[in-house]
Amino acid sequence: MKKKLLALIMAVCMSVVSLAGCGGTKGTSSNTVDPENLSNDDSVKEFSIACIAAGDVNPPMNEWWIWEEYEKMTGIHIEWKEIPGTAVDEKKNLMLASKDKPDAFWQIGFSTEELIRYGSEGGFVNIKPYMDEYAPNLKSLLESVNGGMQSCTMPDGGTYSMPWVMTDLPQMNLRYWINKNWLAKAELEVPSTIEELTAAFETFKTQDVNGNGDANDEWPIYYQPGGMGMFEQQLSGSYGIGDNGLKPLGEAYYVDENDEAQYLYTSEEMKQMWMQMAEWWEKGYFHPETFGTLEYEKWVTDGKVNDVVGLYGWVGSNYLYSNAYENYTPISVLKGPDDKMVQSWCDHPVRGNSAFTITDACEAPGTLLKWADYFYGEEGVQFGAFGKEGVTYEKNANGDAVYVDEILNYEGGAQLGAFQYGLLVYGGGLPCLYVDSEKMEIARKQDDPSFEGEKFSLYVSDSEKYKPEFLPGLIPTLEEAAELPSVSTDINAFKDEARTKFVTGEWNFESDWDKYVKQINKMGAERYTEIKRAQYDRYKAAK
């Protein structure tokens, strides 16, 4: 975009101020920008935005209907710069260092450490001073979510990116999926406790529940190699260490009864969970390649999953195969040994704090921020998901949006049909508030009584009943962000090794657990916990 003379003069002035500030007070950024000098400029009508390149299921971004329509609504033209998905990490950093830096990055996530570093150096615009005027939808949304604003605020007080937000609980959590045909044949109810689940596994393993004459080809539990951590996170809500949802589990800590952060993988509750897994392994309930090298995609493509899997976990049933809902039924949560029942694998509403990032190359960040903020408000969520009446949807008798036949009858399904228009319904990490699943079901005519597929709306009640007390992702300082990788890499690798050895029986819980705890602490788990406690304490102080 051609830079204006005013912008050039301001840049020179800011450079002088920046140089003068080099010897200033410690901890004060020399790149602080006066929001009155970089605000809304209605004369700026074109921006360049870097994004991930179109795949084989949608048109290029420059051809999306939604951007053509939004340009008519706003008068703002976006020149999209597509980056191949395989080269995003490399290209985004090259772009930031180039003279042709884009005005913003769309759906290209930056790590928290990158947000802190580039933001504090002035490479990313701090949008916090602009929110009241130019991003009221986002501000209101973040303030309505527990920890929402803190999840996007860096240690220097700046907010350097707009987030990916989802408040629809059924889309935010992972469910267990159990073979309902096997349950029916064995005359068993859907398990509601760990004990009942164990009994079902025993039946699945010892009886010919798939009725093919072979009692040895059923696998009660299937989680793909590398998926044991996911299974662990699901089970944490049954063992008292998943009360705060997925973000703490992903960061390997939990909050104890004294409101103090503790390391997840040396807890007695984790030991108890691994002991249960070890019992399941010893009895042959796990697929033998659980800790191996099984290629999931090939297994599914070859049809090897058909009627040989008892239980797996995913947000939707179709992870195993497209029509798995016909043969599997969901379990929202299982009661654990101490009567704990929390949907621990349930993500915080701010699922990612980096989805739309404005750079210092932008002449009018206020204008661009306002352009993006639309998709966090009610009207923008409706437009982003459903488009325009008479073009992409019609209204039913209740006034709800229902996709037009072109979308409903699209060969790949209604979701991909909507994606041909660029509607914001496919993939994660989008800078918007995702539409609720009930409204989406209506749009796809899945609310019709004749519809026999999976409905996320059926999970609303359980999702509300068993939801965790969410904690957001904790924000490190620059120093912590620099130290954490060196600390966490070794302990994560050792933790994964220990899980495998304990569960498969190579290590003994009575003789080896204390040795494991001592070794992982020596490798850095104690220091890791100190850092997490400091982050959690800062989070509490900021509330």
Protein backbone atom coordinates (compact mmCIF):
# COMPACT_ATOMS: atom_id res chain seq x y z
CA MET A 1 0.00 0.00 0.00
CA LYS A 2 1.40 3.40 -0.94
CA LYS A 3 2.41 5.25 2.21
CA LYS A 4 1.26 8.81 2.66
CA LEU A 5 3.50 11.76 3.41
CA LEU A 6 1.87 12.20 6.82
CA ALA A 7 2.67 8.60 7.73
CA LEU A 8 6.30 9.13 6.67
CA ILE A 9 6.63 12.26 8.79
CA MET A 10 5.09 10.45 11.76
CA ALA A 11 7.45 7.52 11.29
CA VAL A 12 10.48 9.85 11.32
CA CYS A 13 9.18 11.61 14.40
CA MET A 14 8.60 8.34 16.16
CA SER A 15 12.12 7.19 15.28
CA VAL A 16 13.53 10.30 16.93
CA VAL A 17 11.39 9.72 20.01
CA SER A 18 12.44 6.08 20.06
CA LEU A 19 16.17 6.97 19.95
CA ALA A 20 15.72 9.54 22.65
CA GLY A 21 13.99 6.95 24.81
CA CYS A 22 16.81 4.40 24.71
CA GLY A 23 18.27 5.68 27.94
CA GLY A 24 14.92 5.95 29.69
CA THR A 25 13.47 4.21 32.71
CA LYS A 26 14.03 0.46 32.84
CA GLY A 27 10.95 -1.54 31.79
CA THR A 28 9.41 1.32 29.80
CA SER A 29 8.94 0.48 26.12
CA SER A 30 10.55 2.93 23.73
CA ASN A 31 7.97 1.95 21.09
CA THR A 32 4.89 3.25 22.88
CA VAL A 33 2.49 4.77 20.36
CA ASP A 34 0.03 7.53 21.11
CA PRO A 35 -3.31 6.07 19.97
CA GLU A 36 -4.52 9.52 18.94
CA ASN A 37 -1.74 9.66 16.34
CA LEU A 38 -2.44 6.22 14.91
CA SER A 39 -6.17 5.94 14.94
CA ASN A 40 -9.03 5.68 12.51
CA ASP A 41 -8.40 7.18 9.06
CA ASP A 42 -11.46 6.98 6.85
CA SER A 43 -9.39 7.87 3.78
CA VAL A 44 -7.54 4.56 3.96
CA LYS A 45 -9.58 2.04 2.01
CA GLU A 46 -7.10 -0.68 1.13
CA PHE A 47 -5.10 -3.07 3.29
CA SER A 48 -2.83 -6.04 2.67
CA ILE A 49 -3.39 -9.10 4.85
CA ALA A 50 -1.31 -12.27 4.90
CA CYS A 51 -3.23 -15.53 5.27
CA ILE A 52 -2.85 -19.27 4.75
CA ALA A 53 -3.18 -20.26 1.09
CA ALA A 54 -6.36 -21.86 -0.21
CA GLY A 55 -6.41 -25.62 -0.11
CA ASP A 56 -8.10 -28.09 -2.42
CA VAL A 57 -11.53 -27.59 -0.82
CA ASN A 58 -12.01 -23.84 -1.24
CA PRO A 59 -11.26 -20.98 -3.65
CA PRO A 60 -8.36 -18.51 -3.12
CA MET A 61 -9.10 -15.81 -0.53
CA ASN A 62 -9.20 -13.06 -3.17
CA GLU A 63 -12.13 -14.90 -4.78
CA TRP A 64 -14.22 -15.51 -1.67
CA TRP A 65 -17.76 -14.19 -1.95
CA ILE A 66 -17.74 -13.04 1.67
CA TRP A 67 -14.89 -10.56 1.05
CA GLU A 68 -16.50 -9.18 -2.09
CA GLU A 69 -19.71 -8.67 -0.15
CA TYR A 70 -17.97 -7.21 2.89
CA GLU A 71 -16.12 -4.77 0.65
CA LYS A 72 -19.48 -3.53 -0.63
CA MET A 73 -20.63 -3.08 2.96
CA THR A 74 -17.51 -1.26 4.18
CA GLY A 75 -15.83 0.22 1.13
CA ILE A 76 -12.60 -1.42 2.28
CA HIS A 77 -10.62 -3.60 -0.13
CA ILE A 78 -8.32 -6.35 1.15
CA GLU A 79 -5.38 -7.56 -0.90
CA TRP A 80 -4.84 -11.07 0.40
CA LYS A 81 -1.30 -12.46 0.41
CA GLU A 82 -1.55 -16.23 0.61
CA ILE A 83 1.18 -18.29 2.28
CA PRO A 84 1.42 -22.06 1.63
CA GLY A 85 0.38 -23.91 4.76
CA THR A 86 3.64 -25.86 4.86
CA ALA A 87 5.68 -22.66 4.88
CA VAL A 88 3.75 -20.46 7.31
CA ASP A 89 6.34 -20.36 10.12
CA GLU A 90 9.16 -19.52 7.72
CA LYS A 91 7.25 -17.03 5.57
CA LYS A 92 5.56 -15.09 8.37
CA ASN A 93 8.94 -14.25 9.93
CA LEU A 94 10.41 -13.29 6.56
CA MET A 95 7.42 -11.02 5.97
CA LEU A 96 7.92 -9.33 9.32
CA ALA A 97 11.52 -8.56 8.43
CA SER A 98 10.79 -7.37 4.87
CA LYS A 99 10.11 -3.90 3.53
CA ASP A 100 6.85 -5.22 2.09
CA LYS A 101 5.39 -6.16 5.46
CA PRO A 102 1.61 -6.77 5.33
CA ASP A 103 -0.78 -4.62 7.30
CA ALA A 104 -2.00 -7.67 9.21
CA PHE A 105 -1.97 -11.45 9.53
CA TRP A 106 -5.29 -13.38 9.34
CA GLN A 107 -5.66 -16.85 10.87
CA ILE A 108 -1.89 -17.11 11.18
CA GLY A 109 -1.09 -17.82 14.79
CA PHE A 110 1.89 -16.35 16.57
CA SER A 111 3.13 -17.93 19.76
CA THR A 112 2.68 -15.99 22.97
CA GLU A 113 6.44 -15.48 23.04
CA GLU A 114 6.31 -14.00 19.53
CA LEU A 115 3.44 -11.71 20.51
CA ILE A 116 5.41 -10.45 23.51
CA ARG A 117 8.64 -10.01 21.58
CA TYR A 118 7.31 -8.39 18.41
CA GLY A 119 4.74 -6.41 20.37
CA SER A 120 7.22 -4.97 22.84
CA GLU A 121 9.55 -4.07 19.96
CA GLY A 122 6.74 -2.22 18.18
CA GLY A 123 6.35 -4.64 15.28
CA PHE A 124 2.76 -5.48 16.27
CA VAL A 125 0.18 -2.84 17.10
CA ASN A 126 -1.09 -2.78 20.67
CA ILE A 127 -4.85 -2.85 20.08
CA LYS A 128 -5.82 -2.34 23.72
CA PRO A 129 -5.92 1.51 23.47
CA TYR A 130 -8.23 1.16 20.47
CA MET A 131 -10.77 -1.27 21.91
CA ASP A 132 -13.28 1.18 23.39
CA GLU A 133 -13.70 3.01 20.10
CA TYR A 134 -12.82 0.50 17.41
CA ALA A 135 -13.32 -2.96 18.92
CA PRO A 136 -16.29 -2.73 21.30
CA ASN A 137 -17.60 -6.15 20.26
CA LEU A 138 -14.34 -7.88 21.15
CA LYS A 139 -13.93 -5.95 24.38
CA SER A 140 -17.44 -6.80 25.54
CA LEU A 141 -16.94 -10.45 24.60
CA LEU A 142 -13.62 -10.78 26.44
CA GLU A 143 -15.03 -9.07 29.52
CA SER A 144 -17.93 -11.52 29.57
CA VAL A 145 -15.59 -14.55 29.66
CA ASN A 146 -13.78 -15.53 32.86
CA GLY A 147 -10.12 -14.73 32.21
CA GLY A 148 -10.92 -13.55 28.70
CA MET A 149 -9.09 -10.24 28.81
CA GLN A 150 -6.16 -11.71 30.78
CA SER A 151 -5.69 -14.42 28.16
CA CYS A 152 -4.93 -11.75 25.55
CA THR A 153 -2.95 -9.33 27.71
CA MET A 154 0.83 -9.61 27.68
CA PRO A 155 3.03 -8.85 30.73
CA ASP A 156 3.72 -5.31 29.47
CA GLY A 157 -0.03 -4.63 29.46
CA GLY A 158 -0.38 -4.75 25.69
CA THR A 159 -2.77 -6.80 23.56
CA TYR A 160 -1.11 -7.58 20.24
CA SER A 161 -3.63 -9.82 18.51
CA MET A 162 -7.33 -10.53 18.23
CA PRO A 163 -8.30 -14.04 19.41
CA TRP A 164 -10.19 -17.09 18.26
CA VAL A 165 -13.29 -17.30 20.50
CA MET A 166 -15.86 -20.05 20.93
CA THR A 167 -18.52 -20.08 23.66
CA ASP A 168 -20.55 -23.04 22.38
CA LEU A 169 -19.70 -25.79 24.87
CA PRO A 170 -20.51 -28.85 22.70
CA GLN A 171 -17.92 -27.70 20.15
CA MET A 172 -15.36 -27.04 22.88
CA ASN A 173 -15.14 -30.46 24.48
CA LEU A 174 -14.05 -33.97 23.65
CA ARG A 175 -16.42 -36.90 24.24
CA TYR A 176 -15.79 -40.61 24.61
CA TRP A 177 -17.48 -42.64 21.88
CA ILE A 178 -18.49 -46.21 22.75
CA ASN A 179 -19.78 -48.92 20.42
CA LYS A 180 -23.52 -49.05 21.08
CA ASN A 181 -23.98 -52.23 19.03
CA TRP A 182 -21.55 -54.06 21.29
CA LEU A 183 -23.31 -52.71 24.37
CA ALA A 184 -26.67 -53.90 23.03
CA LYS A 185 -25.36 -57.37 22.19
CA ALA A 186 -23.85 -57.70 25.67
CA GLU A 187 -27.04 -56.23 27.23
CA LEU A 188 -25.06 -53.45 28.92
CA GLU A 189 -26.07 -49.87 29.66
CA VAL A 190 -23.88 -46.95 28.59
CA PRO A 191 -21.17 -46.73 31.29
CA SER A 192 -21.30 -43.74 33.62
CA THR A 193 -18.35 -44.59 35.87
CA ILE A 194 -14.75 -45.77 35.45
CA GLU A 195 -15.78 -49.01 37.14
CA GLU A 196 -18.66 -49.61 34.71
CA LEU A 197 -16.42 -48.77 31.76
CA THR A 198 -13.87 -51.33 32.94
CA ALA A 199 -16.60 -53.98 33.11
CA ALA A 200 -17.68 -53.11 29.56
CA PHE A 201 -14.08 -53.46 28.35
CA GLU A 202 -13.89 -56.91 29.88
CA THR A 203 -17.03 -57.97 28.04
CA PHE A 204 -15.81 -56.47 24.76
CA LYS A 205 -12.52 -58.31 25.08
CA THR A 206 -13.78 -61.74 26.10
CA GLN A 207 -16.97 -62.07 24.04
CA ASP A 208 -17.56 -62.05 20.30
CA VAL A 209 -19.52 -58.80 20.51
CA ASN A 210 -19.12 -57.97 16.83
CA GLY A 211 -20.63 -61.36 15.98
CA ASN A 212 -18.13 -62.39 13.29
CA GLY A 213 -17.20 -65.68 14.93
CA ASP A 214 -13.83 -64.39 16.17
CA ALA A 215 -13.71 -63.40 19.84
CA ASN A 216 -10.17 -62.03 19.52
CA ASP A 217 -10.47 -59.25 16.94
CA GLU A 218 -12.22 -56.68 19.16
CA TRP A 219 -10.16 -53.87 20.70
CA PRO A 220 -12.00 -52.20 23.61
CA ILE A 221 -9.86 -49.01 23.50
CA TYR A 222 -8.43 -47.25 20.46
CA TYR A 223 -6.37 -44.08 20.71
CA GLN A 224 -3.92 -43.43 17.92
CA PRO A 225 -0.17 -43.37 18.67
CA GLY A 226 0.52 -40.03 20.33
CA GLY A 227 -3.11 -39.85 21.45
CA MET A 228 -2.58 -41.13 24.97
CA GLY A 229 -2.07 -37.59 26.20
CA MET A 230 -5.52 -36.74 24.89
CA PHE A 231 -7.02 -39.76 26.64
CA GLU A 232 -5.22 -38.69 29.80
CA GLN A 233 -6.70 -35.20 29.57
CA GLN A 234 -10.19 -36.65 29.18
CA LEU A 235 -9.75 -38.86 32.21
CA SER A 236 -8.33 -36.06 34.36
CA GLY A 237 -11.85 -34.83 35.12
CA SER A 238 -12.59 -38.18 36.75
CA TYR A 239 -9.45 -38.11 38.88
CA GLY A 240 -9.66 -34.63 40.40
CA ILE A 241 -6.97 -32.87 38.34
CA GLY A 242 -9.08 -31.51 35.50
CA ASP A 243 -11.34 -29.03 37.26
CA ASN A 244 -10.13 -26.04 35.25
CA GLY A 245 -10.41 -27.39 31.72
CA LEU A 246 -8.01 -28.08 28.91
CA LYS A 247 -5.65 -25.10 29.06
CA PRO A 248 -4.01 -26.04 32.41
CA LEU A 249 -3.77 -29.69 31.34
CA GLY A 250 -2.06 -28.64 28.13
CA GLU A 251 0.39 -26.64 30.23
CA ALA A 252 1.00 -29.63 32.56
CA TYR A 253 -0.29 -28.13 35.79
CA TYR A 254 -3.38 -28.26 37.98
CA VAL A 255 -4.63 -26.11 40.85
CA ASP A 256 -4.73 -27.84 44.25
CA GLU A 257 -7.12 -27.32 47.17
CA ASN A 258 -4.92 -24.45 48.42
CA ASP A 259 -5.28 -22.60 45.10
CA GLU A 260 -1.66 -23.28 44.19
CA ALA A 261 -0.37 -24.51 40.85
CA GLN A 262 1.17 -28.00 40.95
CA TYR A 263 2.97 -30.11 38.36
CA LEU A 264 0.50 -32.50 36.76
CA TYR A 265 2.76 -35.47 36.14
CA THR A 266 4.01 -36.06 39.68
CA SER A 267 0.59 -35.92 41.31
CA GLU A 268 -0.91 -38.88 43.14
CA GLU A 269 -3.98 -38.51 40.94
CA MET A 270 -1.92 -38.99 37.78
CA LYS A 271 -0.29 -42.03 39.36
CA GLN A 272 -3.76 -43.43 40.11
CA MET A 273 -4.87 -42.81 36.52
CA TRP A 274 -1.79 -44.47 35.06
CA MET A 275 -2.36 -47.44 37.36
CA GLN A 276 -5.86 -47.80 35.90
CA MET A 277 -4.43 -47.61 32.38
CA ALA A 278 -1.85 -50.23 33.32
CA GLU A 279 -4.62 -52.56 34.41
CA TRP A 280 -6.42 -52.02 31.09
CA TRP A 281 -3.19 -52.68 29.19
CA GLU A 282 -2.42 -55.86 31.11
CA LYS A 283 -5.86 -57.23 30.29
CA GLY A 284 -5.43 -56.50 26.59
CA TYR A 285 -8.02 -53.75 26.30
CA PHE A 286 -5.81 -51.30 24.38
CA HIS A 287 -5.08 -51.69 20.69
CA PRO A 288 -1.55 -53.15 20.56
CA GLU A 289 -0.22 -50.21 18.51
CA THR A 290 -1.35 -47.61 21.06
CA PHE A 291 2.30 -46.91 21.86
CA GLY A 292 3.50 -48.00 18.44
CA THR A 293 3.58 -46.67 14.89
CA LEU A 294 0.09 -47.38 13.55
CA GLU A 295 -0.84 -45.08 10.69
CA TYR A 296 -4.32 -43.91 11.57
CA GLU A 297 -5.24 -42.64 8.08
CA LYS A 298 -4.22 -45.90 6.42
CA TRP A 299 -6.07 -47.95 9.02
CA VAL A 300 -9.27 -46.03 8.38
CA THR A 301 -8.83 -46.03 4.59
CA ASP A 302 -8.30 -49.78 4.60
CA GLY A 303 -11.55 -50.23 6.52
CA LYS A 304 -9.75 -51.90 9.41
CA VAL A 305 -11.72 -49.90 11.97
CA ASN A 306 -15.09 -51.33 10.95
CA ASP A 307 -16.60 -52.99 14.02
CA VAL A 308 -13.33 -53.71 15.84
CA VAL A 309 -13.18 -50.60 18.09
CA GLY A 310 -14.98 -50.32 21.41
CA LEU A 311 -14.07 -46.81 22.58
CA TYR A 312 -12.28 -43.73 21.22
CA GLY A 313 -12.39 -40.01 21.88
CA TRP A 314 -13.08 -36.94 19.75
CA VAL A 315 -15.31 -33.86 19.53
CA GLY A 316 -17.49 -35.60 16.95
CA SER A 317 -18.08 -39.25 16.19
CA ASN A 318 -16.82 -38.98 12.60
CA TYR A 319 -13.18 -39.08 13.68
CA LEU A 320 -13.28 -42.86 13.27
CA TYR A 321 -15.20 -42.86 9.98
CA SER A 322 -17.85 -40.74 8.32
CA ASN A 323 -20.99 -42.52 9.55
CA ALA A 324 -19.66 -43.72 12.90
CA TYR A 325 -22.57 -41.99 14.65
CA GLU A 326 -24.78 -44.86 13.49
CA ASN A 327 -22.71 -47.30 15.56
CA TYR A 328 -21.34 -45.24 18.46
CA THR A 329 -22.93 -43.29 21.29
CA PRO A 330 -21.32 -40.49 23.30
CA ILE A 331 -20.24 -40.46 26.93
CA SER A 332 -19.83 -36.90 28.20
CA VAL A 333 -18.04 -37.69 31.44
CA LEU A 334 -17.26 -40.62 33.74
CA LYS A 335 -17.50 -40.65 37.52
CA GLY A 336 -14.09 -41.38 39.01
CA PRO A 337 -12.88 -43.13 42.18
CA ASP A 338 -13.69 -40.10 44.37
CA ASP A 339 -16.97 -39.31 42.58
CA LYS A 340 -15.32 -36.61 40.45
CA MET A 341 -17.22 -35.74 37.23
CA VAL A 342 -15.82 -32.86 35.15
CA GLN A 343 -15.49 -32.51 31.39
CA SER A 344 -11.80 -31.79 31.68
CA TRP A 345 -11.04 -31.89 27.94
CA CYS A 346 -13.05 -28.72 27.41
CA ASP A 347 -11.21 -25.73 26.05
CA HIS A 348 -11.36 -22.19 27.37
CA PRO A 349 -13.61 -19.91 25.25
CA VAL A 350 -10.50 -18.00 24.13
CA ARG A 351 -9.18 -21.01 22.30
CA GLY A 352 -6.27 -19.10 20.78
CA ASN A 353 -5.04 -15.60 21.60
CA SER A 354 -3.50 -14.98 18.18
CA ALA A 355 -5.82 -14.95 15.16
CA PHE A 356 -5.66 -11.42 13.68
CA THR A 357 -2.50 -9.41 14.21
CA ILE A 358 -2.00 -5.86 12.92
CA THR A 359 1.57 -4.81 12.13
CA ASP A 360 3.29 -1.44 12.38
CA ALA A 361 3.11 -1.20 8.58
CA CYS A 362 -0.59 -0.39 8.86
CA GLU A 363 -1.39 3.31 8.33
CA ALA A 364 -4.80 3.14 9.99
CA PRO A 365 -4.97 0.34 12.58
CA GLY A 366 -8.19 1.77 14.00
CA THR A 367 -9.94 1.30 10.65
CA LEU A 368 -8.60 -2.23 10.21
CA LEU A 369 -9.43 -3.15 13.80
CA LYS A 370 -13.00 -1.94 13.32
CA TRP A 371 -13.20 -3.96 10.10
CA ALA A 372 -12.21 -7.12 11.98
CA ASP A 373 -14.23 -6.39 15.14
CA TYR A 374 -17.46 -6.82 13.20
CA PHE A 375 -17.03 -10.61 13.33
CA TYR A 376 -17.16 -10.66 17.13
CA GLY A 377 -20.60 -9.04 17.34
CA GLU A 378 -24.03 -10.60 16.82
CA GLU A 379 -24.58 -9.17 13.34
CA GLY A 380 -21.07 -10.09 12.18
CA VAL A 381 -21.29 -13.62 13.56
CA GLN A 382 -24.52 -14.10 11.62
CA PHE A 383 -22.99 -12.69 8.44
CA GLY A 384 -19.74 -14.62 8.83
CA ALA A 385 -21.48 -17.97 9.31
CA PHE A 386 -24.52 -17.62 7.05
CA GLY A 387 -23.85 -14.80 4.60
CA LYS A 388 -26.66 -12.79 3.03
CA GLU A 389 -30.37 -13.52 2.85
CA GLY A 390 -31.46 -14.43 -0.65
CA VAL A 391 -27.92 -15.32 -1.69
CA THR A 392 -26.53 -17.89 0.73
CA TYR A 393 -29.52 -18.43 3.01
CA GLU A 394 -33.27 -17.99 3.36
CA LYS A 395 -35.24 -17.55 6.57
CA ASN A 396 -37.53 -20.27 7.89
CA ALA A 397 -40.87 -19.67 9.62
CA ASN A 398 -39.07 -18.87 12.88
CA GLY A 399 -36.81 -16.33 11.25
CA ASP A 400 -33.72 -18.55 11.40
CA ALA A 401 -31.16 -18.77 8.59
CA VAL A 402 -31.30 -21.89 6.41
CA TYR A 403 -28.69 -22.36 3.69
CA VAL A 404 -29.79 -22.26 0.07
CA ASP A 405 -29.97 -25.54 -1.83
CA GLU A 406 -26.64 -24.91 -3.58
CA ILE A 407 -24.93 -25.11 -0.20
CA LEU A 408 -27.13 -27.81 1.33
CA ASN A 409 -26.69 -30.11 -1.65
CA TYR A 410 -22.97 -29.52 -2.14
CA GLU A 411 -21.18 -32.78 -2.88
CA GLY A 412 -18.89 -32.53 0.14
CA GLY A 413 -21.69 -31.53 2.49
CA ALA A 414 -23.19 -28.25 3.67
CA GLN A 415 -20.09 -27.18 5.61
CA LEU A 416 -17.88 -27.40 2.54
CA GLY A 417 -20.68 -25.87 0.48
CA ALA A 418 -20.67 -22.82 2.76
CA PHE A 419 -16.88 -22.74 2.58
CA GLN A 420 -17.04 -22.21 -1.19
CA TYR A 421 -18.42 -18.78 -0.34
CA GLY A 422 -15.73 -18.26 2.29
CA LEU A 423 -18.22 -18.38 5.15
CA LEU A 424 -16.46 -18.72 8.50
CA VAL A 425 -17.52 -22.27 9.33
CA TYR A 426 -14.52 -24.42 8.47
CA GLY A 427 -11.28 -24.88 10.38
CA GLY A 428 -9.95 -23.35 13.59
CA GLY A 429 -8.05 -20.24 14.55
CA LEU A 430 -10.38 -17.77 12.85
CA PRO A 431 -10.58 -14.23 14.30
CA CYS A 432 -14.25 -14.29 15.17
CA LEU A 433 -16.81 -15.61 17.62
CA TYR A 434 -17.87 -19.01 16.29
CA VAL A 435 -21.59 -19.47 15.80
CA ASP A 436 -23.46 -21.82 18.16
CA SER A 437 -24.02 -25.37 16.99
CA GLU A 438 -27.82 -25.16 17.37
CA LYS A 439 -28.01 -22.28 14.87
CA MET A 440 -25.68 -24.11 12.53
CA GLU A 441 -27.85 -27.24 12.68
CA ILE A 442 -30.88 -25.19 11.68
CA ALA A 443 -28.93 -23.67 8.78
CA ARG A 444 -28.03 -27.16 7.58
CA LYS A 445 -31.60 -28.49 8.14
CA GLN A 446 -30.27 -30.89 10.76
CA ASP A 447 -33.02 -29.81 13.15
CA ASP A 448 -35.52 -31.73 11.03
CA PRO A 449 -36.91 -34.79 12.90
CA SER A 450 -36.03 -36.95 9.92
CA PHE A 451 -32.33 -36.10 10.22
CA GLU A 452 -30.47 -39.18 11.44
CA GLY A 453 -26.95 -37.83 11.81
CA GLU A 454 -25.10 -36.41 14.77
CA LYS A 455 -26.45 -33.29 16.48
CA PHE A 456 -24.21 -31.26 18.75
CA SER A 457 -27.29 -29.67 20.29
CA LEU A 458 -27.94 -32.98 22.04
CA TYR A 459 -24.82 -32.37 24.13
CA VAL A 460 -25.75 -28.89 25.39
CA SER A 461 -27.29 -30.08 28.67
CA ASP A 462 -24.41 -32.35 29.70
CA SER A 463 -21.86 -29.80 28.55
CA GLU A 464 -23.38 -27.20 30.84
CA LYS A 465 -23.80 -29.63 33.73
CA TYR A 466 -20.24 -30.96 33.72
CA LYS A 467 -18.28 -27.96 32.45
CA PRO A 468 -15.05 -27.03 34.26
CA GLU A 469 -14.25 -23.78 36.01
CA PHE A 470 -12.23 -22.48 33.09
CA LEU A 471 -8.75 -21.09 33.37
CA PRO A 472 -7.21 -19.44 30.29
CA GLY A 473 -3.75 -20.05 28.95
CA LEU A 474 -1.18 -18.49 31.29
CA ILE A 475 1.01 -15.72 29.88
CA PRO A 476 4.79 -15.88 30.38
CA THR A 477 7.19 -12.99 30.63
CA LEU A 478 9.84 -12.74 27.93
CA GLU A 479 12.35 -14.25 30.35
CA GLU A 480 10.03 -17.14 31.17
CA ALA A 481 9.23 -17.71 27.52
CA ALA A 482 12.96 -17.96 26.80
CA GLU A 483 13.54 -20.40 29.66
CA LEU A 484 10.50 -22.67 29.35
CA PRO A 485 11.47 -24.56 26.17
CA SER A 486 14.78 -25.69 27.64
CA VAL A 487 13.02 -26.81 30.82
CA SER A 488 9.95 -28.44 29.28
CA THR A 489 11.52 -30.30 26.34
CA ASP A 490 13.41 -32.82 28.46
CA ILE A 491 10.73 -33.33 31.10
CA ASN A 492 8.02 -33.79 28.46
CA ALA A 493 10.05 -36.45 26.69
CA PHE A 494 10.79 -38.20 29.97
CA LYS A 495 7.15 -37.98 31.05
CA ASP A 496 6.02 -39.62 27.79
CA GLU A 497 8.60 -42.36 28.22
CA ALA A 498 7.53 -42.92 31.82
CA ARG A 499 3.85 -43.15 30.88
CA THR A 500 4.62 -45.85 28.33
CA LYS A 501 6.79 -47.82 30.71
CA PHE A 502 4.40 -47.61 33.64
CA VAL A 503 1.30 -48.43 31.60
CA THR A 504 2.90 -51.33 29.71
CA GLY A 505 4.36 -52.80 32.90
CA GLU A 506 8.04 -52.23 32.20
CA TRP A 507 8.21 -50.03 35.31
CA ASN A 508 6.57 -50.94 38.61
CA PHE A 509 4.50 -48.38 40.48
CA GLU A 510 5.61 -49.55 43.92
CA SER A 511 9.34 -49.65 43.22
CA ASP A 512 9.75 -47.08 40.43
CA TRP A 513 7.29 -44.22 41.02
CA ASP A 514 9.40 -42.40 43.61
CA LYS A 515 12.47 -42.81 41.38
CA TYR A 516 10.54 -41.31 38.47
CA VAL A 517 9.39 -38.32 40.54
CA LYS A 518 12.91 -37.69 41.83
CA GLN A 519 14.38 -37.90 38.32
CA ILE A 520 11.85 -35.65 36.59
CA ASN A 521 12.20 -33.05 39.34
CA LYS A 522 15.95 -33.19 38.90
CA MET A 523 15.48 -32.68 35.15
CA GLY A 524 13.52 -29.46 35.68
CA ALA A 525 9.95 -30.24 36.78
CA GLU A 526 10.40 -28.30 40.02
CA ARG A 527 11.65 -25.24 38.14
CA TYR A 528 8.82 -25.61 35.62
CA THR A 529 6.34 -25.60 38.53
CA GLU A 530 7.91 -22.45 39.97
CA ILE A 531 7.36 -20.68 36.66
CA LYS A 532 3.75 -21.88 36.40
CA ARG A 533 3.06 -20.73 39.96
CA ALA A 534 4.41 -17.29 39.15
CA GLN A 535 2.22 -17.10 36.04
CA TYR A 536 -0.86 -18.29 37.91
CA ASP A 537 -0.23 -15.81 40.73
CA ARG A 538 0.04 -12.97 38.18
CA TYR A 539 -3.22 -14.12 36.59
CA LYS A 540 -5.03 -14.04 39.95
CA ALA A 541 -3.59 -10.62 40.79
CA ALA A 542 -4.81 -9.21 37.46
CA LYS A 543 -8.43 -10.36 37.92
